[in-house]
Amino acid sequence: MSSAAQVTMRHWIARTESVAVAVTAGTAAILAGVVAILGHGAAAQSAGLGACLVIVFFGLGALVDAWALQHLEAGALIVVLASFGLRIALLTLASSMMARAAWLPDLNWFAIGTATATIAWMTGLVIGHVSGRWPIYDLEAAN
């Protein structure tokens, strides 16, 4: 049986990460759409590819965060922070590898799409945290 704190934690992760995905996907769609309207189809494709890379990396990291918050009590914060740092490092490595790829249509727009999506992801996390209602105590443990 899950405690109220565990249920709250699961809802917290689901809400903040889903808001982050929605904000990032919306921002990426707007960016790619504007670039495509301006007549740069290859640039729009590169910006969208950069945004998809960000969503995949941070989305997979959310699974690590959820696991750590459910299974590790004292060490959860360390695992979450370490996984975030690792995600940033791996995102940088993957972006630099993709930047060298011959099939990438436009390197500048790929970088713009990646940076914009990363900022949008962080903004989505903040929005998810601020707009959520999170109980700060566990009534079951008090009884």
C-alpha atoms as a PDB file:
ATOM      1  CA  MET A   1       0.000   0.000   0.000  1.00  0.00           C
ATOM      2  CA  SER A   2       1.376   3.378  -0.971  1.00  0.00           C
ATOM      3  CA  SER A   3       1.623   6.144   1.575  1.00  0.00           C
ATOM      4  CA  ALA A   4       0.212   9.580   0.892  1.00  0.00           C
ATOM      5  CA  ALA A   5       3.759  10.893   0.427  1.00  0.00           C
ATOM      6  CA  GLN A   6       4.518   8.277  -2.249  1.00  0.00           C
ATOM      7  CA  VAL A   7       1.301   9.049  -4.107  1.00  0.00           C
ATOM      8  CA  THR A   8       2.077  12.773  -3.923  1.00  0.00           C
ATOM      9  CA  MET A   9       5.588  12.135  -5.256  1.00  0.00           C
ATOM     10  CA  ARG A  10       4.261  10.146  -8.215  1.00  0.00           C
ATOM     11  CA  HIS A  11       1.745  12.889  -9.027  1.00  0.00           C
ATOM     12  CA  TRP A  12       4.455  15.540  -8.656  1.00  0.00           C
ATOM     13  CA  ILE A  13       6.788  13.788 -11.119  1.00  0.00           C
ATOM     14  CA  ALA A  14       3.986  13.097 -13.589  1.00  0.00           C
ATOM     15  CA  ARG A  15       2.705  16.680 -13.501  1.00  0.00           C
ATOM     16  CA  THR A  16       6.010  18.509 -13.718  1.00  0.00           C
ATOM     17  CA  GLU A  17       7.428  16.289 -16.460  1.00  0.00           C
ATOM     18  CA  SER A  18       4.226  16.343 -18.523  1.00  0.00           C
ATOM     19  CA  VAL A  19       4.089  20.139 -18.323  1.00  0.00           C
ATOM     20  CA  ALA A  20       7.750  20.256 -19.383  1.00  0.00           C
ATOM     21  CA  VAL A  21       7.079  17.974 -22.364  1.00  0.00           C
ATOM     22  CA  ALA A  22       4.052  20.032 -23.412  1.00  0.00           C
ATOM     23  CA  VAL A  23       5.887  23.361 -23.171  1.00  0.00           C
ATOM     24  CA  THR A  24       8.923  21.984 -25.019  1.00  0.00           C
ATOM     25  CA  ALA A  25       6.894  20.353 -27.782  1.00  0.00           C
ATOM     26  CA  GLY A  26       4.795  23.495 -28.217  1.00  0.00           C
ATOM     27  CA  THR A  27       7.859  25.711 -28.363  1.00  0.00           C
ATOM     28  CA  ALA A  28       9.562  23.384 -30.834  1.00  0.00           C
ATOM     29  CA  ALA A  29       6.467  23.295 -33.044  1.00  0.00           C
ATOM     30  CA  ILE A  30       6.223  27.079 -33.037  1.00  0.00           C
ATOM     31  CA  LEU A  31       9.927  27.469 -33.825  1.00  0.00           C
ATOM     32  CA  ALA A  32       9.867  24.899 -36.623  1.00  0.00           C
ATOM     33  CA  GLY A  33       6.643  26.364 -38.006  1.00  0.00           C
ATOM     34  CA  VAL A  34       7.994  29.912 -38.100  1.00  0.00           C
ATOM     35  CA  VAL A  35      11.204  28.765 -39.777  1.00  0.00           C
ATOM     36  CA  ALA A  36       9.240  26.685 -42.290  1.00  0.00           C
ATOM     37  CA  ILE A  37       6.934  29.641 -43.080  1.00  0.00           C
ATOM     38  CA  LEU A  38      10.017  31.726 -43.767  1.00  0.00           C
ATOM     39  CA  GLY A  39      10.867  29.196 -46.460  1.00  0.00           C
ATOM     40  CA  HIS A  40      13.685  27.301 -44.822  1.00  0.00           C
ATOM     41  CA  GLY A  41      12.481  23.700 -44.776  1.00  0.00           C
ATOM     42  CA  ALA A  42      15.893  22.204 -44.002  1.00  0.00           C
ATOM     43  CA  ALA A  43      16.379  24.676 -41.163  1.00  0.00           C
ATOM     44  CA  ALA A  44      12.975  23.775 -39.710  1.00  0.00           C
ATOM     45  CA  GLN A  45      13.899  20.098 -39.884  1.00  0.00           C
ATOM     46  CA  SER A  46      17.181  20.767 -38.053  1.00  0.00           C
ATOM     47  CA  ALA A  47      15.480  22.830 -35.337  1.00  0.00           C
ATOM     48  CA  GLY A  48      12.871  20.104 -34.837  1.00  0.00           C
ATOM     49  CA  LEU A  49      15.575  17.452 -34.633  1.00  0.00           C
ATOM     50  CA  GLY A  50      17.389  19.422 -31.930  1.00  0.00           C
ATOM     51  CA  ALA A  51      14.173  19.790 -29.946  1.00  0.00           C
ATOM     52  CA  CYS A  52      13.399  16.067 -30.256  1.00  0.00           C
ATOM     53  CA  LEU A  53      16.865  15.269 -28.952  1.00  0.00           C
ATOM     54  CA  VAL A  54      16.216  17.417 -25.878  1.00  0.00           C
ATOM     55  CA  ILE A  55      12.810  15.812 -25.235  1.00  0.00           C
ATOM     56  CA  VAL A  56      14.292  12.307 -25.468  1.00  0.00           C
ATOM     57  CA  PHE A  57      17.228  13.050 -23.148  1.00  0.00           C
ATOM     58  CA  PHE A  58      15.229  14.869 -20.492  1.00  0.00           C
ATOM     59  CA  GLY A  59      12.265  12.511 -20.820  1.00  0.00           C
ATOM     60  CA  LEU A  60      14.451   9.460 -20.186  1.00  0.00           C
ATOM     61  CA  GLY A  61      16.018  11.295 -17.277  1.00  0.00           C
ATOM     62  CA  ALA A  62      12.560  11.755 -15.795  1.00  0.00           C
ATOM     63  CA  LEU A  63      12.285   7.973 -15.553  1.00  0.00           C
ATOM     64  CA  VAL A  64      15.520   7.900 -13.546  1.00  0.00           C
ATOM     65  CA  ASP A  65      14.171  10.655 -11.301  1.00  0.00           C
ATOM     66  CA  ALA A  66      10.912   8.785 -10.733  1.00  0.00           C
ATOM     67  CA  TRP A  67      12.762   5.582  -9.865  1.00  0.00           C
ATOM     68  CA  ALA A  68      15.114   7.374  -7.462  1.00  0.00           C
ATOM     69  CA  LEU A  69      12.279   9.202  -5.714  1.00  0.00           C
ATOM     70  CA  GLN A  70      10.342   5.963  -5.248  1.00  0.00           C
ATOM     71  CA  HIS A  71      13.152   3.658  -4.179  1.00  0.00           C
ATOM     72  CA  LEU A  72      15.767   5.825  -2.501  1.00  0.00           C
ATOM     73  CA  GLU A  73      14.756   7.964   0.397  1.00  0.00           C
ATOM     74  CA  ALA A  74      17.927   9.581   1.660  1.00  0.00           C
ATOM     75  CA  GLY A  75      19.941   9.392  -1.542  1.00  0.00           C
ATOM     76  CA  ALA A  76      17.212  10.457  -3.959  1.00  0.00           C
ATOM     77  CA  LEU A  77      18.359  14.066  -4.188  1.00  0.00           C
ATOM     78  CA  ILE A  78      21.924  13.027  -4.966  1.00  0.00           C
ATOM     79  CA  VAL A  79      20.764  10.641  -7.704  1.00  0.00           C
ATOM     80  CA  VAL A  80      18.423  13.249  -9.225  1.00  0.00           C
ATOM     81  CA  LEU A  81      21.121  15.938  -9.282  1.00  0.00           C
ATOM     82  CA  ALA A  82      23.772  13.544 -10.615  1.00  0.00           C
ATOM     83  CA  SER A  83      21.430  12.291 -13.336  1.00  0.00           C
ATOM     84  CA  PHE A  84      20.642  15.876 -14.320  1.00  0.00           C
ATOM     85  CA  GLY A  85      24.333  16.657 -14.679  1.00  0.00           C
ATOM     86  CA  LEU A  86      24.820  13.452 -16.652  1.00  0.00           C
ATOM     87  CA  ARG A  87      21.897  14.351 -18.923  1.00  0.00           C
ATOM     88  CA  ILE A  88      23.438  17.739 -19.694  1.00  0.00           C
ATOM     89  CA  ALA A  89      26.814  16.111 -20.432  1.00  0.00           C
ATOM     90  CA  LEU A  90      25.276  13.419 -22.648  1.00  0.00           C
ATOM     91  CA  LEU A  91      23.098  15.974 -24.428  1.00  0.00           C
ATOM     92  CA  THR A  92      26.209  18.028 -25.162  1.00  0.00           C
ATOM     93  CA  LEU A  93      28.050  14.940 -26.401  1.00  0.00           C
ATOM     94  CA  ALA A  94      25.141  13.800 -28.598  1.00  0.00           C
ATOM     95  CA  SER A  95      24.671  17.304 -29.994  1.00  0.00           C
ATOM     96  CA  SER A  96      28.339  17.615 -30.873  1.00  0.00           C
ATOM     97  CA  MET A  97      28.292  14.194 -32.537  1.00  0.00           C
ATOM     98  CA  MET A  98      25.210  15.107 -34.537  1.00  0.00           C
ATOM     99  CA  ALA A  99      26.753  18.448 -35.483  1.00  0.00           C
ATOM    100  CA  ARG A 100      29.524  16.551 -37.259  1.00  0.00           C
ATOM    101  CA  ALA A 101      27.057  14.389 -39.190  1.00  0.00           C
ATOM    102  CA  ALA A 102      26.929  15.038 -42.910  1.00  0.00           C
ATOM    103  CA  TRP A 103      23.171  14.433 -43.048  1.00  0.00           C
ATOM    104  CA  LEU A 104      22.307  17.349 -40.713  1.00  0.00           C
ATOM    105  CA  PRO A 105      20.840  20.028 -43.014  1.00  0.00           C
ATOM    106  CA  ASP A 106      21.562  23.175 -40.979  1.00  0.00           C
ATOM    107  CA  LEU A 107      23.906  23.251 -38.004  1.00  0.00           C
ATOM    108  CA  ASN A 108      22.923  26.748 -36.822  1.00  0.00           C
ATOM    109  CA  TRP A 109      19.219  25.943 -36.621  1.00  0.00           C
ATOM    110  CA  PHE A 110      19.989  22.616 -34.951  1.00  0.00           C
ATOM    111  CA  ALA A 111      21.822  24.545 -32.205  1.00  0.00           C
ATOM    112  CA  ILE A 112      19.001  27.080 -31.948  1.00  0.00           C
ATOM    113  CA  GLY A 113      16.412  24.293 -31.697  1.00  0.00           C
ATOM    114  CA  THR A 114      18.422  22.470 -29.022  1.00  0.00           C
ATOM    115  CA  ALA A 115      19.005  25.612 -26.940  1.00  0.00           C
ATOM    116  CA  THR A 116      15.395  26.765 -27.283  1.00  0.00           C
ATOM    117  CA  ALA A 117      14.044  23.347 -26.306  1.00  0.00           C
ATOM    118  CA  THR A 118      16.360  23.153 -23.290  1.00  0.00           C
ATOM    119  CA  ILE A 119      15.185  26.556 -22.061  1.00  0.00           C
ATOM    120  CA  ALA A 120      11.577  25.551 -22.732  1.00  0.00           C
ATOM    121  CA  TRP A 121      12.056  22.312 -20.758  1.00  0.00           C
ATOM    122  CA  MET A 122      13.393  24.192 -17.748  1.00  0.00           C
ATOM    123  CA  THR A 123      10.561  26.706 -18.030  1.00  0.00           C
ATOM    124  CA  GLY A 124       8.039  23.860 -18.173  1.00  0.00           C
ATOM    125  CA  LEU A 125       9.495  22.317 -15.025  1.00  0.00           C
ATOM    126  CA  VAL A 126       9.202  25.624 -13.200  1.00  0.00           C
ATOM    127  CA  ILE A 127       5.612  26.079 -14.393  1.00  0.00           C
ATOM    128  CA  GLY A 128       4.772  22.524 -13.307  1.00  0.00           C
ATOM    129  CA  HIS A 129       6.246  23.082  -9.855  1.00  0.00           C
ATOM    130  CA  VAL A 130       4.713  26.498  -9.290  1.00  0.00           C
ATOM    131  CA  SER A 131       1.231  25.682 -10.525  1.00  0.00           C
ATOM    132  CA  GLY A 132       0.892  22.360  -8.682  1.00  0.00           C
ATOM    133  CA  ARG A 133      -0.633  21.917  -5.246  1.00  0.00           C
ATOM    134  CA  TRP A 134       1.718  19.749  -3.208  1.00  0.00           C
ATOM    135  CA  PRO A 135       0.904  18.662   0.355  1.00  0.00           C
ATOM    136  CA  ILE A 136       3.973  19.294   2.512  1.00  0.00           C
ATOM    137  CA  TYR A 137       3.203  16.714   5.180  1.00  0.00           C
ATOM    138  CA  ASP A 138       2.019  13.127   5.421  1.00  0.00           C
ATOM    139  CA  LEU A 139      -1.157  12.760   7.478  1.00  0.00           C
ATOM    140  CA  GLU A 140      -0.765   8.972   7.751  1.00  0.00           C
ATOM    141  CA  ALA A 141       2.656   9.292   9.391  1.00  0.00           C
ATOM    142  CA  ALA A 142       1.284  11.771  11.952  1.00  0.00           C
ATOM    143  CA  ASN A 143      -1.273   9.257  13.242  1.00  0.00           C
END
